[in-house]
Amino acid sequence: MSENNDEIKQENAANETAGAKKEEEKKIWFQKSAKSNMTVPTAAFWHEVLEWVVTLAVAFAIVFAIKFFVFDIVKVDGSSMVPTLHDGDRLIVTKLGYEPKQGDIIILDSTYKNRMEYFDNLAEDKGKDELSVVEKFFAQRVGMPASLKKKYYVKRVIALPGQTVDISDGHVYVDGEILDEPYYDGKTSPLPSSSMTYPLTVDENTVFVMGDNRNNSKDSRSSDLGLVPYDAILGKSQLRIWPLNAIGATK
């Protein structure tokens, strides 16, 4: 019986030694080549590199998916939302499943409509009904005017599809009722240089937006922006995270 125990102990010790040797081999990343005196990477090194590449690729894909589909952090540029938001504020914007509601603060792509028109013209020149996603991708990076690059605005949704907006006597009316605007206590006027006329009924799949700083806001009152398509909306501002003394929900 003692001999069997000794044999078992010896076998276990041998297995442990072999296992330890394999672990040591895994840690050896460089060794001298059998064909030359040069130091070359081992299989263990390339295995480690591959693991890091895969890990980083997965992490990058997850971050990209979250940023593209779920939420983003944007910086307020300008004073069009004063006193609610200020230049330099950082906001968390939610995207996934967002549908505009009256009173929401949203982030929108101000050049979206002009860029889509540019793509339509390119497609027409090529004898196509529409450019492919790949063609649009390269068109944005080669030859597209800088004025059509994405430029985000922060605005407030004033009216939804089918609602009628009127601006009269310093007030904003939606469907004939004066809009309750606790975030603004001044007067609102149409922009004299704009071709927008009132009353105005909001088109399907678009919204009418304005900045809270009505005297210094390029918004749906401007014929340059006009009604904002749903597809041009990045998402809804949920939270201000900067500056630290103003952290809180945006509304």
C-alpha atoms as a PDB file:
ATOM      1  CA  MET A   1       0.000   0.000   0.000  1.00  0.00           C
ATOM      2  CA  SER A   2       2.839   2.400   0.886  1.00  0.00           C
ATOM      3  CA  GLU A   3       4.488   1.690  -2.479  1.00  0.00           C
ATOM      4  CA  ASN A   4       1.278   2.659  -4.296  1.00  0.00           C
ATOM      5  CA  ASN A   5       1.079   5.869  -2.281  1.00  0.00           C
ATOM      6  CA  ASP A   6       4.684   6.677  -3.168  1.00  0.00           C
ATOM      7  CA  GLU A   7       3.956   6.097  -6.857  1.00  0.00           C
ATOM      8  CA  ILE A   8       0.893   8.346  -6.688  1.00  0.00           C
ATOM      9  CA  LYS A   9       2.902  11.071  -4.946  1.00  0.00           C
ATOM     10  CA  GLN A  10       5.658  10.834  -7.543  1.00  0.00           C
ATOM     11  CA  GLU A  11       3.135  11.013 -10.388  1.00  0.00           C
ATOM     12  CA  ASN A  12       1.443  14.070  -8.837  1.00  0.00           C
ATOM     13  CA  ALA A  13       4.786  15.758  -8.353  1.00  0.00           C
ATOM     14  CA  ALA A  14       5.706  15.061 -11.983  1.00  0.00           C
ATOM     15  CA  ASN A  15       2.410  16.500 -13.191  1.00  0.00           C
ATOM     16  CA  GLU A  16       2.910  19.605 -11.062  1.00  0.00           C
ATOM     17  CA  THR A  17       6.420  20.029 -12.424  1.00  0.00           C
ATOM     18  CA  ALA A  18       5.184  19.627 -16.028  1.00  0.00           C
ATOM     19  CA  GLY A  19       2.374  22.109 -15.396  1.00  0.00           C
ATOM     20  CA  ALA A  20       4.754  24.625 -13.888  1.00  0.00           C
ATOM     21  CA  LYS A  21       7.074  24.189 -16.868  1.00  0.00           C
ATOM     22  CA  LYS A  22       4.217  24.872 -19.291  1.00  0.00           C
ATOM     23  CA  GLU A  23       3.266  28.009 -17.335  1.00  0.00           C
ATOM     24  CA  GLU A  24       6.872  29.194 -17.502  1.00  0.00           C
ATOM     25  CA  GLU A  25       6.917  28.541 -21.249  1.00  0.00           C
ATOM     26  CA  LYS A  26       3.807  30.698 -21.644  1.00  0.00           C
ATOM     27  CA  LYS A  27       5.619  33.578 -19.954  1.00  0.00           C
ATOM     28  CA  ILE A  28       8.563  33.392 -22.355  1.00  0.00           C
ATOM     29  CA  TRP A  29       7.785  35.938 -25.059  1.00  0.00           C
ATOM     30  CA  PHE A  30      11.183  36.098 -26.779  1.00  0.00           C
ATOM     31  CA  GLN A  31      13.850  33.511 -27.492  1.00  0.00           C
ATOM     32  CA  LYS A  32      16.850  33.060 -29.738  1.00  0.00           C
ATOM     33  CA  SER A  33      16.083  31.656 -33.166  1.00  0.00           C
ATOM     34  CA  ALA A  34      17.371  28.200 -33.967  1.00  0.00           C
ATOM     35  CA  LYS A  35      18.406  29.401 -37.437  1.00  0.00           C
ATOM     36  CA  SER A  36      20.151  32.583 -36.359  1.00  0.00           C
ATOM     37  CA  ASN A  37      21.432  34.393 -33.298  1.00  0.00           C
ATOM     38  CA  MET A  38      18.524  36.844 -33.426  1.00  0.00           C
ATOM     39  CA  THR A  39      15.900  37.172 -30.688  1.00  0.00           C
ATOM     40  CA  VAL A  40      12.417  36.561 -32.067  1.00  0.00           C
ATOM     41  CA  PRO A  41       8.901  36.582 -30.568  1.00  0.00           C
ATOM     42  CA  THR A  42       7.549  33.245 -29.390  1.00  0.00           C
ATOM     43  CA  ALA A  43       4.108  31.780 -30.018  1.00  0.00           C
ATOM     44  CA  ALA A  44       3.198  32.865 -26.487  1.00  0.00           C
ATOM     45  CA  PHE A  45       3.972  36.472 -27.426  1.00  0.00           C
ATOM     46  CA  TRP A  46       1.755  36.409 -30.506  1.00  0.00           C
ATOM     47  CA  HIS A  47      -0.993  34.680 -28.514  1.00  0.00           C
ATOM     48  CA  GLU A  48      -0.860  37.500 -25.952  1.00  0.00           C
ATOM     49  CA  VAL A  49      -0.897  40.150 -28.705  1.00  0.00           C
ATOM     50  CA  LEU A  50      -3.920  38.495 -30.324  1.00  0.00           C
ATOM     51  CA  GLU A  51      -5.775  38.459 -27.005  1.00  0.00           C
ATOM     52  CA  TRP A  52      -5.125  42.187 -26.509  1.00  0.00           C
ATOM     53  CA  VAL A  53      -6.182  43.021 -30.078  1.00  0.00           C
ATOM     54  CA  VAL A  54      -9.447  41.097 -29.693  1.00  0.00           C
ATOM     55  CA  THR A  55     -10.119  42.670 -26.266  1.00  0.00           C
ATOM     56  CA  LEU A  56      -9.498  46.197 -27.555  1.00  0.00           C
ATOM     57  CA  ALA A  57     -11.590  45.585 -30.675  1.00  0.00           C
ATOM     58  CA  VAL A  58     -14.541  44.358 -28.610  1.00  0.00           C
ATOM     59  CA  ALA A  59     -14.200  47.272 -26.179  1.00  0.00           C
ATOM     60  CA  PHE A  60     -14.058  49.766 -29.070  1.00  0.00           C
ATOM     61  CA  ALA A  61     -17.131  48.192 -30.695  1.00  0.00           C
ATOM     62  CA  ILE A  62     -19.084  48.410 -27.425  1.00  0.00           C
ATOM     63  CA  VAL A  63     -18.102  52.058 -26.851  1.00  0.00           C
ATOM     64  CA  PHE A  64     -18.969  52.947 -30.457  1.00  0.00           C
ATOM     65  CA  ALA A  65     -22.356  51.209 -30.219  1.00  0.00           C
ATOM     66  CA  ILE A  66     -23.187  52.989 -26.954  1.00  0.00           C
ATOM     67  CA  LYS A  67     -22.135  56.376 -28.344  1.00  0.00           C
ATOM     68  CA  PHE A  68     -23.933  55.870 -31.656  1.00  0.00           C
ATOM     69  CA  PHE A  69     -27.160  54.292 -30.444  1.00  0.00           C
ATOM     70  CA  VAL A  70     -27.632  54.888 -26.710  1.00  0.00           C
ATOM     71  CA  PHE A  71     -26.255  58.174 -25.414  1.00  0.00           C
ATOM     72  CA  ASP A  72     -23.644  60.839 -26.060  1.00  0.00           C
ATOM     73  CA  ILE A  73     -22.019  63.779 -24.299  1.00  0.00           C
ATOM     74  CA  VAL A  74     -22.233  67.127 -26.108  1.00  0.00           C
ATOM     75  CA  LYS A  75     -20.961  70.605 -25.400  1.00  0.00           C
ATOM     76  CA  VAL A  76     -23.209  73.667 -25.651  1.00  0.00           C
ATOM     77  CA  ASP A  77     -21.714  76.156 -28.109  1.00  0.00           C
ATOM     78  CA  GLY A  78     -23.214  79.631 -27.917  1.00  0.00           C
ATOM     79  CA  SER A  79     -25.883  81.465 -25.944  1.00  0.00           C
ATOM     80  CA  SER A  80     -29.118  80.552 -27.759  1.00  0.00           C
ATOM     81  CA  MET A  81     -30.451  78.604 -24.743  1.00  0.00           C
ATOM     82  CA  VAL A  82     -29.667  81.180 -22.036  1.00  0.00           C
ATOM     83  CA  PRO A  83     -30.794  81.282 -19.231  1.00  0.00           C
ATOM     84  CA  THR A  84     -31.554  77.525 -19.249  1.00  0.00           C
ATOM     85  CA  LEU A  85     -28.159  76.480 -20.643  1.00  0.00           C
ATOM     86  CA  HIS A  86     -24.926  78.363 -21.112  1.00  0.00           C
ATOM     87  CA  ASP A  87     -21.940  78.275 -23.444  1.00  0.00           C
ATOM     88  CA  GLY A  88     -19.574  75.462 -22.440  1.00  0.00           C
ATOM     89  CA  ASP A  89     -22.151  73.359 -20.557  1.00  0.00           C
ATOM     90  CA  ARG A  90     -21.763  69.596 -21.037  1.00  0.00           C
ATOM     91  CA  LEU A  91     -24.917  67.553 -21.519  1.00  0.00           C
ATOM     92  CA  ILE A  92     -25.764  63.869 -21.542  1.00  0.00           C
ATOM     93  CA  VAL A  93     -28.026  63.155 -24.508  1.00  0.00           C
ATOM     94  CA  THR A  94     -30.117  59.987 -24.805  1.00  0.00           C
ATOM     95  CA  LYS A  95     -30.804  58.562 -28.259  1.00  0.00           C
ATOM     96  CA  LEU A  96     -32.242  55.049 -28.123  1.00  0.00           C
ATOM     97  CA  GLY A  97     -35.958  54.993 -28.856  1.00  0.00           C
ATOM     98  CA  TYR A  98     -36.334  58.755 -28.455  1.00  0.00           C
ATOM     99  CA  GLU A  99     -39.480  60.380 -29.854  1.00  0.00           C
ATOM    100  CA  PRO A 100     -39.810  64.183 -29.606  1.00  0.00           C
ATOM    101  CA  LYS A 101     -42.233  65.697 -27.120  1.00  0.00           C
ATOM    102  CA  GLN A 102     -43.289  69.301 -26.703  1.00  0.00           C
ATOM    103  CA  GLY A 103     -40.982  71.123 -24.306  1.00  0.00           C
ATOM    104  CA  ASP A 104     -38.032  68.719 -24.726  1.00  0.00           C
ATOM    105  CA  ILE A 105     -34.541  70.141 -25.095  1.00  0.00           C
ATOM    106  CA  ILE A 106     -32.995  68.387 -28.077  1.00  0.00           C
ATOM    107  CA  ILE A 107     -29.741  68.254 -30.008  1.00  0.00           C
ATOM    108  CA  LEU A 108     -30.210  68.564 -33.758  1.00  0.00           C
ATOM    109  CA  ASP A 109     -28.074  68.510 -36.872  1.00  0.00           C
ATOM    110  CA  SER A 110     -28.608  71.984 -38.335  1.00  0.00           C
ATOM    111  CA  THR A 111     -27.145  71.139 -41.766  1.00  0.00           C
ATOM    112  CA  TYR A 112     -29.051  67.874 -42.252  1.00  0.00           C
ATOM    113  CA  LYS A 113     -31.557  69.079 -44.883  1.00  0.00           C
ATOM    114  CA  ASN A 114     -28.938  70.875 -46.987  1.00  0.00           C
ATOM    115  CA  ARG A 115     -26.647  67.843 -46.805  1.00  0.00           C
ATOM    116  CA  MET A 116     -29.424  65.511 -47.933  1.00  0.00           C
ATOM    117  CA  GLU A 117     -30.116  67.863 -50.858  1.00  0.00           C
ATOM    118  CA  TYR A 118     -26.406  67.705 -51.734  1.00  0.00           C
ATOM    119  CA  PHE A 119     -26.551  63.880 -51.731  1.00  0.00           C
ATOM    120  CA  ASP A 120     -29.675  63.944 -53.903  1.00  0.00           C
ATOM    121  CA  ASN A 121     -27.893  66.153 -56.451  1.00  0.00           C
ATOM    122  CA  LEU A 122     -24.903  63.799 -56.500  1.00  0.00           C
ATOM    123  CA  ALA A 123     -27.204  60.823 -57.042  1.00  0.00           C
ATOM    124  CA  GLU A 124     -28.962  62.623 -59.886  1.00  0.00           C
ATOM    125  CA  ASP A 125     -25.601  63.369 -61.522  1.00  0.00           C
ATOM    126  CA  LYS A 126     -24.822  59.641 -61.358  1.00  0.00           C
ATOM    127  CA  GLY A 127     -28.217  58.663 -62.717  1.00  0.00           C
ATOM    128  CA  LYS A 128     -29.300  57.106 -59.430  1.00  0.00           C
ATOM    129  CA  ASP A 129     -32.348  57.548 -57.232  1.00  0.00           C
ATOM    130  CA  GLU A 130     -30.230  57.580 -54.082  1.00  0.00           C
ATOM    131  CA  LEU A 131     -26.600  57.210 -52.994  1.00  0.00           C
ATOM    132  CA  SER A 132     -25.608  54.127 -51.030  1.00  0.00           C
ATOM    133  CA  VAL A 133     -24.440  54.402 -47.418  1.00  0.00           C
ATOM    134  CA  VAL A 134     -20.842  53.855 -48.571  1.00  0.00           C
ATOM    135  CA  GLU A 135     -21.131  56.553 -51.240  1.00  0.00           C
ATOM    136  CA  LYS A 136     -22.521  59.023 -48.694  1.00  0.00           C
ATOM    137  CA  PHE A 137     -19.685  58.154 -46.320  1.00  0.00           C
ATOM    138  CA  PHE A 138     -17.013  58.971 -48.895  1.00  0.00           C
ATOM    139  CA  ALA A 139     -18.925  61.983 -50.250  1.00  0.00           C
ATOM    140  CA  GLN A 140     -18.800  63.556 -46.785  1.00  0.00           C
ATOM    141  CA  ARG A 141     -15.039  63.184 -46.698  1.00  0.00           C
ATOM    142  CA  VAL A 142     -14.156  64.095 -50.269  1.00  0.00           C
ATOM    143  CA  GLY A 143     -15.448  67.186 -52.009  1.00  0.00           C
ATOM    144  CA  MET A 144     -18.385  68.091 -49.758  1.00  0.00           C
ATOM    145  CA  PRO A 145     -18.442  71.815 -48.835  1.00  0.00           C
ATOM    146  CA  ALA A 146     -17.445  72.561 -45.245  1.00  0.00           C
ATOM    147  CA  SER A 147     -20.760  74.368 -44.744  1.00  0.00           C
ATOM    148  CA  LEU A 148     -22.566  71.017 -45.038  1.00  0.00           C
ATOM    149  CA  LYS A 149     -20.568  69.262 -42.324  1.00  0.00           C
ATOM    150  CA  LYS A 150     -22.608  68.316 -39.261  1.00  0.00           C
ATOM    151  CA  LYS A 151     -23.184  71.237 -36.919  1.00  0.00           C
ATOM    152  CA  TYR A 152     -25.267  70.578 -33.827  1.00  0.00           C
ATOM    153  CA  TYR A 153     -27.721  73.028 -32.261  1.00  0.00           C
ATOM    154  CA  VAL A 154     -29.371  72.815 -28.846  1.00  0.00           C
ATOM    155  CA  LYS A 155     -33.033  73.896 -29.045  1.00  0.00           C
ATOM    156  CA  ARG A 156     -36.406  73.352 -27.407  1.00  0.00           C
ATOM    157  CA  VAL A 157     -39.315  71.585 -29.105  1.00  0.00           C
ATOM    158  CA  ILE A 158     -42.192  74.069 -29.415  1.00  0.00           C
ATOM    159  CA  ALA A 159     -44.625  72.131 -31.608  1.00  0.00           C
ATOM    160  CA  LEU A 160     -45.061  68.622 -32.993  1.00  0.00           C
ATOM    161  CA  PRO A 161     -46.347  67.305 -36.344  1.00  0.00           C
ATOM    162  CA  GLY A 162     -49.856  68.523 -37.126  1.00  0.00           C
ATOM    163  CA  GLN A 163     -49.783  71.335 -34.580  1.00  0.00           C
ATOM    164  CA  THR A 164     -50.148  74.947 -35.710  1.00  0.00           C
ATOM    165  CA  VAL A 165     -47.693  77.606 -34.537  1.00  0.00           C
ATOM    166  CA  ASP A 166     -48.426  81.323 -34.505  1.00  0.00           C
ATOM    167  CA  ILE A 167     -46.294  84.195 -33.241  1.00  0.00           C
ATOM    168  CA  SER A 168     -48.268  87.327 -32.481  1.00  0.00           C
ATOM    169  CA  ASP A 169     -48.171  90.241 -30.022  1.00  0.00           C
ATOM    170  CA  GLY A 170     -44.972  88.910 -28.469  1.00  0.00           C
ATOM    171  CA  HIS A 171     -46.491  85.512 -27.671  1.00  0.00           C
ATOM    172  CA  VAL A 172     -46.174  82.005 -29.088  1.00  0.00           C
ATOM    173  CA  TYR A 173     -49.452  80.229 -29.816  1.00  0.00           C
ATOM    174  CA  VAL A 174     -49.781  76.495 -30.413  1.00  0.00           C
ATOM    175  CA  ASP A 175     -53.139  75.349 -31.750  1.00  0.00           C
ATOM    176  CA  GLY A 176     -54.635  78.700 -30.787  1.00  0.00           C
ATOM    177  CA  GLU A 177     -53.477  78.617 -27.138  1.00  0.00           C
ATOM    178  CA  ILE A 178     -50.712  80.769 -25.664  1.00  0.00           C
ATOM    179  CA  LEU A 179     -47.772  78.465 -24.972  1.00  0.00           C
ATOM    180  CA  ASP A 180     -46.877  78.166 -21.301  1.00  0.00           C
ATOM    181  CA  GLU A 181     -43.156  78.970 -21.158  1.00  0.00           C
ATOM    182  CA  PRO A 182     -41.823  79.120 -17.576  1.00  0.00           C
ATOM    183  CA  TYR A 183     -38.266  79.066 -18.969  1.00  0.00           C
ATOM    184  CA  TYR A 184     -38.771  82.407 -20.801  1.00  0.00           C
ATOM    185  CA  ASP A 185     -40.378  85.650 -19.674  1.00  0.00           C
ATOM    186  CA  GLY A 186     -39.652  87.931 -22.638  1.00  0.00           C
ATOM    187  CA  LYS A 187     -41.416  88.592 -25.914  1.00  0.00           C
ATOM    188  CA  THR A 188     -41.114  86.427 -29.018  1.00  0.00           C
ATOM    189  CA  SER A 189     -41.175  87.837 -32.523  1.00  0.00           C
ATOM    190  CA  PRO A 190     -40.816  86.379 -36.033  1.00  0.00           C
ATOM    191  CA  LEU A 191     -37.432  86.947 -37.643  1.00  0.00           C
ATOM    192  CA  PRO A 192     -37.753  89.885 -40.071  1.00  0.00           C
ATOM    193  CA  SER A 193     -35.256  88.402 -42.560  1.00  0.00           C
ATOM    194  CA  SER A 194     -37.015  85.020 -42.687  1.00  0.00           C
ATOM    195  CA  SER A 195     -39.470  83.762 -45.282  1.00  0.00           C
ATOM    196  CA  MET A 196     -41.384  81.737 -42.653  1.00  0.00           C
ATOM    197  CA  THR A 197     -45.036  82.810 -42.429  1.00  0.00           C
ATOM    198  CA  TYR A 198     -47.589  82.291 -39.657  1.00  0.00           C
ATOM    199  CA  PRO A 199     -49.817  80.587 -38.719  1.00  0.00           C
ATOM    200  CA  LEU A 200     -47.673  77.590 -39.692  1.00  0.00           C
ATOM    201  CA  THR A 201     -48.722  73.942 -39.490  1.00  0.00           C
ATOM    202  CA  VAL A 202     -45.870  71.575 -38.642  1.00  0.00           C
ATOM    203  CA  ASP A 203     -45.247  68.932 -41.313  1.00  0.00           C
ATOM    204  CA  GLU A 204     -45.291  65.189 -40.659  1.00  0.00           C
ATOM    205  CA  ASN A 205     -42.101  63.818 -39.051  1.00  0.00           C
ATOM    206  CA  THR A 206     -40.785  67.299 -38.266  1.00  0.00           C
ATOM    207  CA  VAL A 207     -40.768  69.603 -35.244  1.00  0.00           C
ATOM    208  CA  PHE A 208     -40.773  73.369 -34.725  1.00  0.00           C
ATOM    209  CA  VAL A 209     -37.962  74.429 -32.375  1.00  0.00           C
ATOM    210  CA  MET A 210     -36.767  77.630 -30.743  1.00  0.00           C
ATOM    211  CA  GLY A 211     -33.975  78.654 -28.397  1.00  0.00           C
ATOM    212  CA  ASP A 212     -34.843  79.978 -24.949  1.00  0.00           C
ATOM    213  CA  ASN A 213     -32.830  83.111 -25.721  1.00  0.00           C
ATOM    214  CA  ARG A 214     -35.322  84.289 -28.330  1.00  0.00           C
ATOM    215  CA  ASN A 215     -33.437  87.447 -29.309  1.00  0.00           C
ATOM    216  CA  ASN A 216     -30.275  85.505 -30.048  1.00  0.00           C
ATOM    217  CA  SER A 217     -31.352  82.181 -31.522  1.00  0.00           C
ATOM    218  CA  LYS A 218     -31.231  80.772 -35.037  1.00  0.00           C
ATOM    219  CA  ASP A 219     -34.133  78.336 -34.946  1.00  0.00           C
ATOM    220  CA  SER A 220     -37.284  77.270 -36.814  1.00  0.00           C
ATOM    221  CA  ARG A 221     -38.229  80.931 -37.237  1.00  0.00           C
ATOM    222  CA  SER A 222     -35.263  81.149 -39.623  1.00  0.00           C
ATOM    223  CA  SER A 223     -35.809  79.957 -43.179  1.00  0.00           C
ATOM    224  CA  ASP A 224     -32.202  78.651 -43.054  1.00  0.00           C
ATOM    225  CA  LEU A 225     -33.232  76.043 -40.484  1.00  0.00           C
ATOM    226  CA  GLY A 226     -37.026  75.903 -40.646  1.00  0.00           C
ATOM    227  CA  LEU A 227     -38.853  72.778 -39.551  1.00  0.00           C
ATOM    228  CA  VAL A 228     -36.486  70.094 -38.228  1.00  0.00           C
ATOM    229  CA  PRO A 229     -36.887  66.520 -39.571  1.00  0.00           C
ATOM    230  CA  TYR A 230     -36.941  63.695 -37.041  1.00  0.00           C
ATOM    231  CA  ASP A 231     -33.913  62.216 -38.820  1.00  0.00           C
ATOM    232  CA  ALA A 232     -31.921  65.360 -37.963  1.00  0.00           C
ATOM    233  CA  ILE A 233     -32.492  64.929 -34.217  1.00  0.00           C
ATOM    234  CA  LEU A 234     -29.560  63.408 -32.339  1.00  0.00           C
ATOM    235  CA  GLY A 235     -31.492  62.939 -29.097  1.00  0.00           C
ATOM    236  CA  LYS A 236     -32.858  64.541 -25.948  1.00  0.00           C
ATOM    237  CA  SER A 237     -30.791  66.403 -23.373  1.00  0.00           C
ATOM    238  CA  GLN A 238     -31.315  64.680 -20.022  1.00  0.00           C
ATOM    239  CA  LEU A 239     -28.599  65.878 -17.686  1.00  0.00           C
ATOM    240  CA  ARG A 240     -26.074  68.694 -17.378  1.00  0.00           C
ATOM    241  CA  ILE A 241     -22.808  67.292 -16.011  1.00  0.00           C
ATOM    242  CA  TRP A 242     -20.658  70.423 -16.331  1.00  0.00           C
ATOM    243  CA  PRO A 243     -20.019  72.838 -14.682  1.00  0.00           C
ATOM    244  CA  LEU A 244     -20.036  70.939 -11.402  1.00  0.00           C
ATOM    245  CA  ASN A 245     -22.027  73.640  -9.591  1.00  0.00           C
ATOM    246  CA  ALA A 246     -24.873  73.277 -12.123  1.00  0.00           C
ATOM    247  CA  ILE A 247     -25.210  69.494 -12.328  1.00  0.00           C
ATOM    248  CA  GLY A 248     -28.811  68.431 -12.725  1.00  0.00           C
ATOM    249  CA  ALA A 249     -31.635  67.446 -15.078  1.00  0.00           C
ATOM    250  CA  THR A 250     -32.210  69.740 -18.044  1.00  0.00           C
ATOM    251  CA  LYS A 251     -35.784  70.930 -18.528  1.00  0.00           C
END
